[in-house]
Amino acid sequence: MGVRGAGAPAAGAKRATRHGGPGRRAAVLLPALCTALVVLAAGCRSAAPPAYAERVAAARADKDRFFFEGPDSPIPSDRRPEFLPLAYFPILERYAVPAVLAPSEREPAMEMPTSTGLRRLMRRAGTLRFSLDGEPLQLTAFVEADAPNMNRLFVPFGDRTNGTETYAAGRYLDLDRTATGIYEIDFNRAYHPYCYYNPTYDCPYPPPENRLKVAIRVGERMKN
């Protein structure tokens, strides 16, 4: 989510050296070398990782395509014009912050209420502690109680935008499990649960401990 065009300028410079006479060789070679350096520099820039905002925007475009065309899209076909393309707050890189997971002791499974009125058995994996705009915050990370492995952490959360700018029930984050206990919480990647688009989906509600008392104005939002 290598370097292109570098070979062509080098070949061009070689041709200029071979066919130019002693008096005009430098005059012909210098522009060719300059062109080679410009093209090589452009190639090096294209080989560099894309900027943060570009990566987030690309992921959002991929999600829109899947929701528009994918056979497993959660949005019913007759409602896609209503929701797509998905709406987002502006991308702010300062909302991607490091977090430390304080693991939970082996706790009994808890019942998490869901959008359909059912209960989902979840287990606390630990507490993610981080700082946002200088304010210390924390969120509990969960795993499915009956999951065969715990490679992914589920972080449902609420904030002060719920019900006005974002889905009233809250939003989600997913994190890949790390061996170090160090994570990145990136609120620019916060997304609405599928029940926002389709009430047939069964979506866990964030527990009270994950209701932040701040407004997180990044990530997915409702359309105006």
Protein backbone atom coordinates (compact mmCIF):
# COMPACT_ATOMS: atom_id res chain seq x y z
CA MET A 1 0.00 0.00 0.00
CA GLY A 2 10.84 0.60 -7.68
CA VAL A 3 12.09 3.26 -9.09
CA ARG A 4 10.54 3.91 -12.46
CA GLY A 5 12.15 5.51 -15.49
CA ALA A 6 15.71 5.63 -14.12
CA GLY A 7 17.09 3.44 -16.92
CA ALA A 8 15.95 5.62 -19.82
CA PRO A 9 17.90 8.80 -18.89
CA ALA A 10 21.11 6.79 -18.36
CA ALA A 11 20.84 5.30 -21.85
CA GLY A 12 20.16 8.74 -23.31
CA ALA A 13 23.26 10.17 -21.65
CA LYS A 14 25.34 7.35 -23.07
CA ARG A 15 24.10 8.04 -26.59
CA ALA A 16 24.95 11.73 -26.28
CA THR A 17 28.50 10.88 -25.20
CA ARG A 18 29.02 8.45 -28.06
CA HIS A 19 27.78 10.71 -30.87
CA GLY A 20 28.93 14.16 -29.71
CA GLY A 21 32.34 15.56 -30.74
CA PRO A 22 34.91 16.75 -28.16
CA GLY A 23 33.83 20.37 -28.43
CA ARG A 24 30.11 19.79 -27.90
CA ARG A 25 30.17 16.67 -25.72
CA ALA A 26 29.86 18.57 -22.42
CA ALA A 27 27.13 20.84 -23.81
CA VAL A 28 25.08 17.81 -24.90
CA LEU A 29 25.86 15.70 -21.87
CA LEU A 30 25.05 18.31 -19.23
CA PRO A 31 21.33 18.72 -20.12
CA ALA A 32 21.01 14.94 -20.39
CA LEU A 33 22.56 14.46 -16.96
CA CYS A 34 20.29 17.10 -15.50
CA THR A 35 17.28 15.34 -17.02
CA ALA A 36 18.50 12.03 -15.60
CA LEU A 37 18.83 13.53 -12.13
CA VAL A 38 15.35 15.05 -12.28
CA VAL A 39 13.77 11.78 -13.45
CA LEU A 40 15.73 9.77 -10.90
CA ALA A 41 14.66 12.13 -8.11
CA ALA A 42 11.04 11.81 -9.21
CA GLY A 43 11.42 8.05 -9.24
CA CYS A 44 12.82 8.08 -5.71
CA ARG A 45 9.92 10.20 -4.55
CA SER A 46 7.42 7.77 -6.08
CA ALA A 47 9.15 4.88 -4.31
CA ALA A 48 8.75 6.52 -0.90
CA PRO A 49 5.79 5.47 1.26
CA PRO A 50 2.70 7.59 0.62
CA ALA A 51 1.94 10.30 3.14
CA TYR A 52 -0.32 9.50 6.08
CA ALA A 53 -3.36 11.35 4.73
CA GLU A 54 -2.95 9.65 1.35
CA ARG A 55 -2.93 6.20 2.97
CA VAL A 56 -6.08 6.95 4.95
CA ALA A 57 -7.83 8.39 1.88
CA ALA A 58 -6.86 5.34 -0.21
CA ALA A 59 -8.29 2.98 2.42
CA ARG A 60 -11.53 4.96 2.42
CA ALA A 61 -11.79 4.81 -1.36
CA ASP A 62 -11.29 1.03 -1.23
CA LYS A 63 -14.05 0.73 1.35
CA ASP A 64 -16.43 2.80 -0.78
CA ARG A 65 -15.74 0.55 -3.77
CA PHE A 66 -16.43 -2.56 -1.72
CA PHE A 67 -19.65 -1.09 -0.31
CA PHE A 68 -20.75 -0.04 -3.82
CA GLU A 69 -19.87 -3.22 -5.67
CA GLY A 70 -18.88 -5.99 -3.27
CA PRO A 71 -21.19 -9.01 -3.06
CA ASP A 72 -20.93 -8.90 0.73
CA SER A 73 -21.66 -5.18 1.07
CA PRO A 74 -23.57 -4.50 4.30
CA ILE A 75 -25.59 -1.74 2.65
CA PRO A 76 -28.74 -2.86 0.80
CA SER A 77 -28.55 -1.91 -2.87
CA ASP A 78 -31.53 0.42 -2.66
CA ARG A 79 -29.90 2.40 0.18
CA ARG A 80 -26.42 2.81 -1.29
CA PRO A 81 -27.14 6.25 -2.80
CA GLU A 82 -28.21 7.34 0.67
CA PHE A 83 -24.93 6.36 2.38
CA LEU A 84 -22.28 6.31 -0.33
CA PRO A 85 -19.73 7.66 -0.60
CA LEU A 86 -19.27 7.44 3.16
CA ALA A 87 -18.88 10.73 5.01
CA TYR A 88 -15.83 11.57 7.12
CA PHE A 89 -14.43 14.33 9.24
CA PRO A 90 -11.19 15.91 7.96
CA ILE A 91 -8.09 13.76 8.43
CA LEU A 92 -5.99 14.94 11.40
CA GLU A 93 -2.78 13.01 11.99
CA ARG A 94 -2.56 14.08 15.63
CA TYR A 95 -5.49 11.75 16.31
CA ALA A 96 -3.24 8.75 15.59
CA VAL A 97 -1.57 8.25 18.95
CA PRO A 98 0.50 5.57 20.71
CA ALA A 99 -1.20 3.51 23.41
CA VAL A 100 -0.06 0.97 25.97
CA LEU A 101 -2.23 -2.07 26.73
CA ALA A 102 -2.45 -3.03 30.39
CA PRO A 103 -3.61 -6.66 30.09
CA SER A 104 -6.62 -7.81 32.06
CA GLU A 105 -6.42 -10.76 34.36
CA ARG A 106 -8.35 -13.73 33.10
CA GLU A 107 -11.88 -12.47 33.66
CA PRO A 108 -15.19 -14.22 33.12
CA ALA A 109 -16.96 -13.39 29.89
CA MET A 110 -19.33 -10.44 30.00
CA GLU A 111 -22.56 -9.90 28.12
CA MET A 112 -22.47 -6.88 25.85
CA PRO A 113 -25.84 -5.52 24.67
CA THR A 114 -26.34 -5.30 20.90
CA SER A 115 -28.47 -3.41 18.42
CA THR A 116 -30.89 -6.33 17.96
CA GLY A 117 -31.51 -6.80 21.67
CA LEU A 118 -29.36 -9.90 21.86
CA ARG A 119 -26.29 -10.25 24.07
CA ARG A 120 -22.77 -10.84 22.79
CA LEU A 121 -20.30 -12.69 24.98
CA MET A 122 -17.08 -10.69 25.13
CA ARG A 123 -13.95 -10.78 27.23
CA ARG A 124 -11.80 -7.84 28.29
CA ALA A 125 -8.32 -8.10 26.82
CA GLY A 126 -7.00 -5.07 28.66
CA THR A 127 -7.03 -1.32 29.02
CA LEU A 128 -5.49 0.90 26.35
CA ARG A 129 -3.98 4.02 27.92
CA PHE A 130 -3.09 6.99 25.73
CA SER A 131 -3.06 10.76 25.57
CA LEU A 132 -5.01 12.94 23.17
CA ASP A 133 -4.30 16.67 22.91
CA GLY A 134 -2.52 16.39 26.26
CA GLU A 135 -5.45 14.71 28.04
CA PRO A 136 -4.93 11.19 29.42
CA LEU A 137 -7.64 8.80 28.25
CA GLN A 138 -8.29 5.08 28.22
CA LEU A 139 -10.43 2.53 26.40
CA THR A 140 -11.06 -1.14 27.11
CA ALA A 141 -10.15 -3.56 24.32
CA PHE A 142 -12.23 -6.71 23.91
CA VAL A 143 -12.11 -10.09 22.20
CA GLU A 144 -14.95 -12.46 21.40
CA ALA A 145 -15.30 -14.84 24.32
CA ASP A 146 -15.45 -17.90 22.07
CA ALA A 147 -12.90 -16.71 19.50
CA PRO A 148 -10.36 -19.43 18.54
CA ASN A 149 -7.55 -16.87 18.85
CA MET A 150 -7.11 -13.34 20.11
CA ASN A 151 -5.17 -11.80 17.23
CA ARG A 152 -7.54 -8.85 16.87
CA LEU A 153 -8.69 -6.39 19.49
CA PHE A 154 -12.16 -4.88 19.27
CA VAL A 155 -12.50 -1.34 20.65
CA PRO A 156 -16.07 0.01 20.59
CA PHE A 157 -16.30 3.58 21.87
CA GLY A 158 -18.63 6.49 22.27
CA ASP A 159 -17.89 10.21 22.41
CA ARG A 160 -19.58 13.60 22.49
CA THR A 161 -20.37 13.53 18.75
CA ASN A 162 -22.75 10.55 19.05
CA GLY A 163 -26.32 11.31 18.04
CA THR A 164 -25.53 14.62 16.34
CA GLU A 165 -22.51 14.11 14.09
CA THR A 166 -21.95 10.36 14.38
CA TYR A 167 -24.11 7.29 14.91
CA ALA A 168 -25.88 7.50 18.26
CA ALA A 169 -24.68 4.06 19.37
CA GLY A 170 -21.00 4.85 18.83
CA ARG A 171 -18.17 3.78 16.55
CA TYR A 172 -15.56 1.03 16.37
CA LEU A 173 -11.80 0.56 16.08
CA ASP A 174 -10.00 -2.71 15.29
CA LEU A 175 -6.38 -3.31 16.27
CA ASP A 176 -3.98 -6.07 15.29
CA ARG A 177 -2.56 -7.73 18.38
CA THR A 178 1.10 -6.95 19.10
CA ALA A 179 3.67 -8.84 21.15
CA THR A 180 4.97 -5.63 22.76
CA GLY A 181 1.72 -4.28 24.18
CA ILE A 182 2.34 -1.03 22.27
CA TYR A 183 -0.41 0.02 19.86
CA GLU A 184 -1.47 2.90 17.70
CA ILE A 185 -4.98 4.16 18.25
CA ASP A 186 -5.94 5.95 15.05
CA PHE A 187 -9.29 7.67 15.40
CA ASN A 188 -9.14 8.68 11.73
CA ARG A 189 -9.96 5.01 11.11
CA ALA A 190 -12.98 4.96 13.44
CA TYR A 191 -15.97 3.51 11.60
CA HIS A 192 -19.70 3.07 12.04
CA PRO A 193 -20.97 -0.42 12.84
CA TYR A 194 -22.87 -2.15 10.04
CA CYS A 195 -26.18 -1.77 11.88
CA TYR A 196 -25.96 1.95 11.06
CA TYR A 197 -26.58 1.04 7.41
CA ASN A 198 -28.64 -2.10 7.88
CA PRO A 199 -30.68 -2.95 11.03
CA THR A 200 -30.44 -6.68 10.37
CA TYR A 201 -26.85 -6.63 11.63
CA ASP A 202 -26.19 -7.42 15.28
CA CYS A 203 -23.76 -4.79 16.61
CA PRO A 204 -22.39 -4.59 20.17
CA TYR A 205 -22.88 -1.30 21.98
CA PRO A 206 -19.86 0.33 23.63
CA PRO A 207 -19.97 -0.25 27.41
CA PRO A 208 -20.08 2.73 29.80
CA GLU A 209 -16.33 2.46 30.47
CA ASN A 210 -15.70 3.25 26.78
CA ARG A 211 -17.84 6.37 26.61
CA LEU A 212 -15.31 9.18 26.21
CA LYS A 213 -16.23 12.59 27.59
CA VAL A 214 -14.60 14.38 24.67
CA ALA A 215 -15.65 14.94 21.06
CA ILE A 216 -13.66 12.85 18.56
CA ARG A 217 -14.17 14.78 15.32
CA VAL A 218 -12.22 12.49 13.04
CA GLY A 219 -13.12 9.23 11.36
CA GLU A 220 -16.49 8.32 9.90
CA ARG A 221 -19.42 10.64 10.43
CA MET A 222 -23.06 10.85 9.39
CA LYS A 223 -23.98 12.67 6.20
CA ASN A 224 -25.39 16.14 6.68
